[in-house]
Amino acid sequence: MVKRILKWIGAIIAVLAIALGVFLINLICFRPWSLSLFYEKVFAEVVFDHPELLSRWA
């Protein structure tokens, strides 16, 4: 019984990990699925290139 439950939980975790991997690979390497994801990707790239923008006064 416990072994069967652990097998189901492991399968669910594996499916979720694969789905997350597909989502992240599509977001990073290819065209994102939505425009808001594209803007978030571009914002993250700019922030990682110029982190002083986060601490600058507006």
C-alpha atoms as a PDB file:
ATOM      1  CA  MET A   1       0.000   0.000   0.000  1.00  0.00           C
ATOM      2  CA  VAL A   2       2.689   2.496   1.034  1.00  0.00           C
ATOM      3  CA  LYS A   3       4.877   1.418  -1.866  1.00  0.00           C
ATOM      4  CA  ARG A   4       2.015   2.065  -4.281  1.00  0.00           C
ATOM      5  CA  ILE A   5       1.379   5.546  -2.856  1.00  0.00           C
ATOM      6  CA  LEU A   6       5.072   6.426  -3.072  1.00  0.00           C
ATOM      7  CA  LYS A   7       5.139   5.237  -6.677  1.00  0.00           C
ATOM      8  CA  TRP A   8       2.194   7.532  -7.539  1.00  0.00           C
ATOM      9  CA  ILE A   9       3.780  10.484  -5.731  1.00  0.00           C
ATOM     10  CA  GLY A  10       7.060   9.859  -7.563  1.00  0.00           C
ATOM     11  CA  ALA A  11       5.268   9.731 -10.902  1.00  0.00           C
ATOM     12  CA  ILE A  12       3.436  12.989 -10.181  1.00  0.00           C
ATOM     13  CA  ILE A  13       6.693  14.703  -9.171  1.00  0.00           C
ATOM     14  CA  ALA A  14       8.399  13.409 -12.324  1.00  0.00           C
ATOM     15  CA  VAL A  15       5.601  14.721 -14.561  1.00  0.00           C
ATOM     16  CA  LEU A  16       5.710  18.112 -12.839  1.00  0.00           C
ATOM     17  CA  ALA A  17       9.504  18.285 -13.204  1.00  0.00           C
ATOM     18  CA  ILE A  18       9.281  17.469 -16.914  1.00  0.00           C
ATOM     19  CA  ALA A  19       6.555  20.075 -17.440  1.00  0.00           C
ATOM     20  CA  LEU A  20       8.593  22.703 -15.597  1.00  0.00           C
ATOM     21  CA  GLY A  21      11.660  21.813 -17.654  1.00  0.00           C
ATOM     22  CA  VAL A  22       9.761  22.158 -20.935  1.00  0.00           C
ATOM     23  CA  PHE A  23       8.342  25.501 -19.803  1.00  0.00           C
ATOM     24  CA  LEU A  24      11.746  26.886 -18.771  1.00  0.00           C
ATOM     25  CA  ILE A  25      13.556  25.661 -21.883  1.00  0.00           C
ATOM     26  CA  ASN A  26      10.867  27.219 -24.073  1.00  0.00           C
ATOM     27  CA  LEU A  27      11.070  30.471 -22.094  1.00  0.00           C
ATOM     28  CA  ILE A  28      14.862  30.745 -22.173  1.00  0.00           C
ATOM     29  CA  CYS A  29      15.832  29.362 -25.577  1.00  0.00           C
ATOM     30  CA  PHE A  30      12.793  29.807 -27.796  1.00  0.00           C
ATOM     31  CA  ARG A  31       9.838  32.162 -28.151  1.00  0.00           C
ATOM     32  CA  PRO A  32       7.823  32.450 -24.903  1.00  0.00           C
ATOM     33  CA  TRP A  33       4.161  31.448 -24.919  1.00  0.00           C
ATOM     34  CA  SER A  34       2.862  34.875 -23.902  1.00  0.00           C
ATOM     35  CA  LEU A  35       3.894  38.485 -24.276  1.00  0.00           C
ATOM     36  CA  SER A  36       4.098  39.060 -20.526  1.00  0.00           C
ATOM     37  CA  LEU A  37       6.593  36.197 -20.195  1.00  0.00           C
ATOM     38  CA  PHE A  38       8.685  37.828 -22.931  1.00  0.00           C
ATOM     39  CA  TYR A  39       8.714  41.157 -21.083  1.00  0.00           C
ATOM     40  CA  GLU A  40       9.657  39.444 -17.822  1.00  0.00           C
ATOM     41  CA  LYS A  41      12.502  37.640 -19.590  1.00  0.00           C
ATOM     42  CA  VAL A  42      13.816  40.888 -21.081  1.00  0.00           C
ATOM     43  CA  PHE A  43      13.509  42.661 -17.714  1.00  0.00           C
ATOM     44  CA  ALA A  44      15.448  39.881 -15.985  1.00  0.00           C
ATOM     45  CA  GLU A  45      18.187  40.044 -18.635  1.00  0.00           C
ATOM     46  CA  VAL A  46      18.535  43.820 -18.192  1.00  0.00           C
ATOM     47  CA  VAL A  47      18.591  43.537 -14.391  1.00  0.00           C
ATOM     48  CA  PHE A  48      21.268  40.837 -14.489  1.00  0.00           C
ATOM     49  CA  ASP A  49      23.357  42.961 -16.860  1.00  0.00           C
ATOM     50  CA  HIS A  50      22.890  46.204 -14.857  1.00  0.00           C
ATOM     51  CA  PRO A  51      21.983  45.434 -11.222  1.00  0.00           C
ATOM     52  CA  GLU A  52      22.479  49.056 -10.177  1.00  0.00           C
ATOM     53  CA  LEU A  53      19.143  49.849 -11.837  1.00  0.00           C
ATOM     54  CA  LEU A  54      17.379  48.174  -8.917  1.00  0.00           C
ATOM     55  CA  SER A  55      18.935  50.473  -6.313  1.00  0.00           C
ATOM     56  CA  ARG A  56      18.740  53.694  -8.308  1.00  0.00           C
ATOM     57  CA  TRP A  57      16.276  56.396  -7.197  1.00  0.00           C
ATOM     58  CA  ALA A  58      13.461  57.025  -9.649  1.00  0.00           C
END
